[in-house]
C-alpha atoms as a PDB file:
ATOM      1  CA  UNK A   1     -10.439  53.377  48.755  1.00  0.00           C
ATOM      2  CA  UNK A   2      -8.076  50.393  48.851  1.00  0.00           C
ATOM      3  CA  UNK A   3      -6.024  49.263  45.878  1.00  0.00           C
ATOM      4  CA  UNK A   4      -8.134  46.093  45.651  1.00  0.00           C
ATOM      5  CA  UNK A   5     -11.293  48.169  45.440  1.00  0.00           C
ATOM      6  CA  UNK A   6      -9.814  50.269  42.623  1.00  0.00           C
ATOM      7  CA  UNK A   7      -8.540  47.254  40.677  1.00  0.00           C
ATOM      8  CA  UNK A   8     -11.567  45.083  41.332  1.00  0.00           C
ATOM      9  CA  UNK A   9     -11.775  41.413  42.184  1.00  0.00           C
ATOM     10  CA  UNK A  10     -13.247  38.151  40.988  1.00  0.00           C
ATOM     11  CA  UNK A  11     -15.113  35.797  43.311  1.00  0.00           C
ATOM     12  CA  UNK A  12     -13.672  32.278  43.435  1.00  0.00           C
ATOM     13  CA  UNK A  13     -15.803  29.166  43.966  1.00  0.00           C
ATOM     14  CA  UNK A  14     -14.634  28.879  47.576  1.00  0.00           C
ATOM     15  CA  UNK A  15     -15.916  32.373  48.396  1.00  0.00           C
ATOM     16  CA  UNK A  16     -12.547  34.150  48.418  1.00  0.00           C
ATOM     17  CA  UNK A  17     -11.750  37.073  46.153  1.00  0.00           C
ATOM     18  CA  UNK A  18      -8.808  37.419  43.771  1.00  0.00           C
ATOM     19  CA  UNK A  19      -7.631  40.769  42.390  1.00  0.00           C
ATOM     20  CA  UNK A  20      -8.269  41.132  38.647  1.00  0.00           C
ATOM     21  CA  UNK A  21      -4.819  42.455  37.823  1.00  0.00           C
ATOM     22  CA  UNK A  22      -1.617  40.629  38.744  1.00  0.00           C
ATOM     23  CA  UNK A  23       2.121  41.164  38.601  1.00  0.00           C
ATOM     24  CA  UNK A  24       3.451  38.037  36.891  1.00  0.00           C
ATOM     25  CA  UNK A  25       6.990  36.705  37.120  1.00  0.00           C
ATOM     26  CA  UNK A  26       6.968  34.193  34.258  1.00  0.00           C
ATOM     27  CA  UNK A  27       7.802  34.250  30.536  1.00  0.00           C
ATOM     28  CA  UNK A  28      10.001  37.360  30.108  1.00  0.00           C
ATOM     29  CA  UNK A  29      11.218  37.118  33.708  1.00  0.00           C
ATOM     30  CA  UNK A  30      11.921  33.368  33.675  1.00  0.00           C
ATOM     31  CA  UNK A  31      14.985  32.645  35.851  1.00  0.00           C
ATOM     32  CA  UNK A  32      15.518  36.389  36.330  1.00  0.00           C
ATOM     33  CA  UNK A  33      16.072  38.271  39.570  1.00  0.00           C
ATOM     34  CA  UNK A  34      12.713  39.969  40.145  1.00  0.00           C
ATOM     35  CA  UNK A  35      13.524  41.527  43.533  1.00  0.00           C
ATOM     36  CA  UNK A  36      13.508  45.197  42.533  1.00  0.00           C
ATOM     37  CA  UNK A  37      10.749  45.056  39.933  1.00  0.00           C
ATOM     38  CA  UNK A  38       8.495  43.158  42.354  1.00  0.00           C
ATOM     39  CA  UNK A  39       9.004  45.713  45.129  1.00  0.00           C
ATOM     40  CA  UNK A  40       8.301  48.481  42.604  1.00  0.00           C
ATOM     41  CA  UNK A  41       5.159  46.732  41.336  1.00  0.00           C
ATOM     42  CA  UNK A  42       3.854  46.349  44.898  1.00  0.00           C
ATOM     43  CA  UNK A  43       4.633  49.972  45.770  1.00  0.00           C
ATOM     44  CA  UNK A  44       2.647  50.987  42.678  1.00  0.00           C
ATOM     45  CA  UNK A  45      -0.448  49.088  43.761  1.00  0.00           C
ATOM     46  CA  UNK A  46      -0.038  45.657  42.147  1.00  0.00           C
ATOM     47  CA  UNK A  47      -0.641  43.498  45.195  1.00  0.00           C
ATOM     48  CA  UNK A  48      -1.628  40.293  43.335  1.00  0.00           C
ATOM     49  CA  UNK A  49       1.678  38.512  42.749  1.00  0.00           C
ATOM     50  CA  UNK A  50       1.665  35.592  40.334  1.00  0.00           C
ATOM     51  CA  UNK A  51       4.635  33.245  40.588  1.00  0.00           C
ATOM     52  CA  UNK A  52       5.380  29.609  39.897  1.00  0.00           C
ATOM     53  CA  UNK A  53       7.914  26.993  40.860  1.00  0.00           C
ATOM     54  CA  UNK A  54       8.883  26.472  37.223  1.00  0.00           C
ATOM     55  CA  UNK A  55       9.743  30.176  36.754  1.00  0.00           C
ATOM     56  CA  UNK A  56      12.794  29.590  38.994  1.00  0.00           C
ATOM     57  CA  UNK A  57      12.561  33.019  40.626  1.00  0.00           C
ATOM     58  CA  UNK A  58      10.453  32.457  43.753  1.00  0.00           C
ATOM     59  CA  UNK A  59      13.423  33.383  45.938  1.00  0.00           C
ATOM     60  CA  UNK A  60      13.751  36.835  44.391  1.00  0.00           C
ATOM     61  CA  UNK A  61       9.958  37.239  44.329  1.00  0.00           C
ATOM     62  CA  UNK A  62      10.095  36.642  48.087  1.00  0.00           C
ATOM     63  CA  UNK A  63      12.890  39.190  48.443  1.00  0.00           C
ATOM     64  CA  UNK A  64      10.826  41.739  46.514  1.00  0.00           C
ATOM     65  CA  UNK A  65       7.855  41.076  48.779  1.00  0.00           C
ATOM     66  CA  UNK A  66      10.046  41.574  51.851  1.00  0.00           C
ATOM     67  CA  UNK A  67      11.688  44.711  50.433  1.00  0.00           C
ATOM     68  CA  UNK A  68       8.348  46.319  49.565  1.00  0.00           C
ATOM     69  CA  UNK A  69       7.504  46.950  53.204  1.00  0.00           C
ATOM     70  CA  UNK A  70       3.855  46.145  52.486  1.00  0.00           C
ATOM     71  CA  UNK A  71       2.222  43.897  55.118  1.00  0.00           C
ATOM     72  CA  UNK A  72       1.593  40.279  54.071  1.00  0.00           C
ATOM     73  CA  UNK A  73      -2.140  40.690  54.704  1.00  0.00           C
ATOM     74  CA  UNK A  74      -2.295  43.363  51.979  1.00  0.00           C
ATOM     75  CA  UNK A  75      -0.897  41.016  49.325  1.00  0.00           C
ATOM     76  CA  UNK A  76      -2.440  38.217  47.269  1.00  0.00           C
ATOM     77  CA  UNK A  77       0.287  35.679  46.514  1.00  0.00           C
ATOM     78  CA  UNK A  78      -0.075  32.869  43.989  1.00  0.00           C
ATOM     79  CA  UNK A  79       2.330  30.080  43.142  1.00  0.00           C
ATOM     80  CA  UNK A  80       1.952  27.067  40.923  1.00  0.00           C
ATOM     81  CA  UNK A  81       3.007  23.457  41.298  1.00  0.00           C
ATOM     82  CA  UNK A  82       5.549  22.207  38.767  1.00  0.00           C
ATOM     83  CA  UNK A  83       6.102  18.569  37.855  1.00  0.00           C
ATOM     84  CA  UNK A  84       7.075  16.749  41.036  1.00  0.00           C
ATOM     85  CA  UNK A  85      10.773  15.907  41.311  1.00  0.00           C
ATOM     86  CA  UNK A  86      11.495  12.268  42.138  1.00  0.00           C
ATOM     87  CA  UNK A  87      11.062  11.576  45.829  1.00  0.00           C
ATOM     88  CA  UNK A  88       9.262  14.842  46.619  1.00  0.00           C
ATOM     89  CA  UNK A  89       5.650  15.358  47.585  1.00  0.00           C
ATOM     90  CA  UNK A  90       3.320  18.218  46.752  1.00  0.00           C
ATOM     91  CA  UNK A  91       3.648  19.361  50.357  1.00  0.00           C
ATOM     92  CA  UNK A  92       7.474  19.272  50.146  1.00  0.00           C
ATOM     93  CA  UNK A  93       7.470  21.529  47.098  1.00  0.00           C
ATOM     94  CA  UNK A  94       4.898  23.914  48.596  1.00  0.00           C
ATOM     95  CA  UNK A  95       6.859  24.230  51.847  1.00  0.00           C
ATOM     96  CA  UNK A  96       9.978  24.951  49.768  1.00  0.00           C
ATOM     97  CA  UNK A  97       8.057  27.631  47.845  1.00  0.00           C
ATOM     98  CA  UNK A  98       6.812  29.206  51.078  1.00  0.00           C
ATOM     99  CA  UNK A  99      10.397  29.439  52.362  1.00  0.00           C
ATOM    100  CA  UNK A 100      11.551  31.069  49.134  1.00  0.00           C
ATOM    101  CA  UNK A 101       8.594  33.466  49.165  1.00  0.00           C
ATOM    102  CA  UNK A 102       9.210  34.215  52.879  1.00  0.00           C
ATOM    103  CA  UNK A 103       5.559  33.684  53.783  1.00  0.00           C
ATOM    104  CA  UNK A 104       3.586  31.204  55.898  1.00  0.00           C
ATOM    105  CA  UNK A 105       0.887  30.609  53.282  1.00  0.00           C
ATOM    106  CA  UNK A 106      -0.093  31.458  49.722  1.00  0.00           C
ATOM    107  CA  UNK A 107      -3.484  32.833  48.834  1.00  0.00           C
ATOM    108  CA  UNK A 108      -3.780  30.527  45.834  1.00  0.00           C
ATOM    109  CA  UNK A 109      -1.876  27.330  45.003  1.00  0.00           C
ATOM    110  CA  UNK A 110      -2.458  26.021  41.507  1.00  0.00           C
ATOM    111  CA  UNK A 111      -1.543  22.915  39.573  1.00  0.00           C
ATOM    112  CA  UNK A 112       0.416  24.647  36.804  1.00  0.00           C
ATOM    113  CA  UNK A 113      -0.257  22.029  34.153  1.00  0.00           C
ATOM    114  CA  UNK A 114      -2.360  18.954  34.905  1.00  0.00           C
ATOM    115  CA  UNK A 115      -0.746  17.045  32.043  1.00  0.00           C
ATOM    116  CA  UNK A 116       2.483  16.931  34.087  1.00  0.00           C
ATOM    117  CA  UNK A 117       0.743  14.813  36.711  1.00  0.00           C
ATOM    118  CA  UNK A 118      -0.834  12.062  34.649  1.00  0.00           C
ATOM    119  CA  UNK A 119       0.149   8.539  35.432  1.00  0.00           C
ATOM    120  CA  UNK A 120      -1.210   5.118  36.084  1.00  0.00           C
ATOM    121  CA  UNK A 121      -3.004   2.946  33.593  1.00  0.00           C
ATOM    122  CA  UNK A 122      -5.929   5.354  33.190  1.00  0.00           C
ATOM    123  CA  UNK A 123      -3.854   8.559  33.146  1.00  0.00           C
ATOM    124  CA  UNK A 124      -5.720  10.001  36.142  1.00  0.00           C
ATOM    125  CA  UNK A 125      -4.374   8.350  39.291  1.00  0.00           C
ATOM    126  CA  UNK A 126      -1.409  10.651  39.749  1.00  0.00           C
ATOM    127  CA  UNK A 127      -3.471  13.784  39.083  1.00  0.00           C
ATOM    128  CA  UNK A 128      -6.084  12.665  41.613  1.00  0.00           C
ATOM    129  CA  UNK A 129      -3.341  12.177  44.199  1.00  0.00           C
ATOM    130  CA  UNK A 130      -1.925  15.615  43.460  1.00  0.00           C
ATOM    131  CA  UNK A 131      -5.370  17.189  43.859  1.00  0.00           C
ATOM    132  CA  UNK A 132      -5.850  15.409  47.192  1.00  0.00           C
ATOM    133  CA  UNK A 133      -2.490  16.808  48.331  1.00  0.00           C
ATOM    134  CA  UNK A 134      -3.644  20.328  47.380  1.00  0.00           C
ATOM    135  CA  UNK A 135      -6.796  19.804  49.443  1.00  0.00           C
ATOM    136  CA  UNK A 136      -4.616  18.748  52.387  1.00  0.00           C
ATOM    137  CA  UNK A 137      -2.399  21.827  51.969  1.00  0.00           C
ATOM    138  CA  UNK A 138      -5.505  24.007  52.068  1.00  0.00           C
ATOM    139  CA  UNK A 139      -6.843  22.194  55.151  1.00  0.00           C
ATOM    140  CA  UNK A 140      -3.466  22.721  56.849  1.00  0.00           C
ATOM    141  CA  UNK A 141      -3.495  26.469  56.108  1.00  0.00           C
ATOM    142  CA  UNK A 142      -0.568  26.432  53.675  1.00  0.00           C
ATOM    143  CA  UNK A 143      -2.858  27.675  50.886  1.00  0.00           C
ATOM    144  CA  UNK A 144      -6.079  29.649  51.267  1.00  0.00           C
ATOM    145  CA  UNK A 145      -7.446  28.530  47.882  1.00  0.00           C
ATOM    146  CA  UNK A 146      -6.479  25.848  45.363  1.00  0.00           C
ATOM    147  CA  UNK A 147      -7.094  25.253  41.686  1.00  0.00           C
ATOM    148  CA  UNK A 148      -5.750  24.418  38.240  1.00  0.00           C
ATOM    149  CA  UNK A 149      -3.946  26.855  35.953  1.00  0.00           C
ATOM    150  CA  UNK A 150      -3.352  25.695  32.388  1.00  0.00           C
END
């Protein structure tokens, strides 16, 4: 019986499955080196890894993934889009996250907080553009699934 079978999964709208239990690297681990604790979490069966650009620890999350020795295909990796820095695109920030995480794709790429992406006279234009960029990232294979977090 695989770890995913023991933990259980939820079915997403796009037909993919997400493990119910995740190892998260935010809040208490904000800006912390999570290399060792991530590798330990993975070795103990927590294969759903929940990170975010704003947590400022994707590089050590990636190191923990690499140090775990567990094949990429056995992991479910999530990251979340922060507010876009001036001059950067959604794709730019996702590619940067992938480099830090040391993977070619994430299983789920989320808009961390949609309120960070409001703009234009109606408050929706920027968010619509961000969503379109997530759809493009999915079409290009950089993310298997996309969505909104908070």
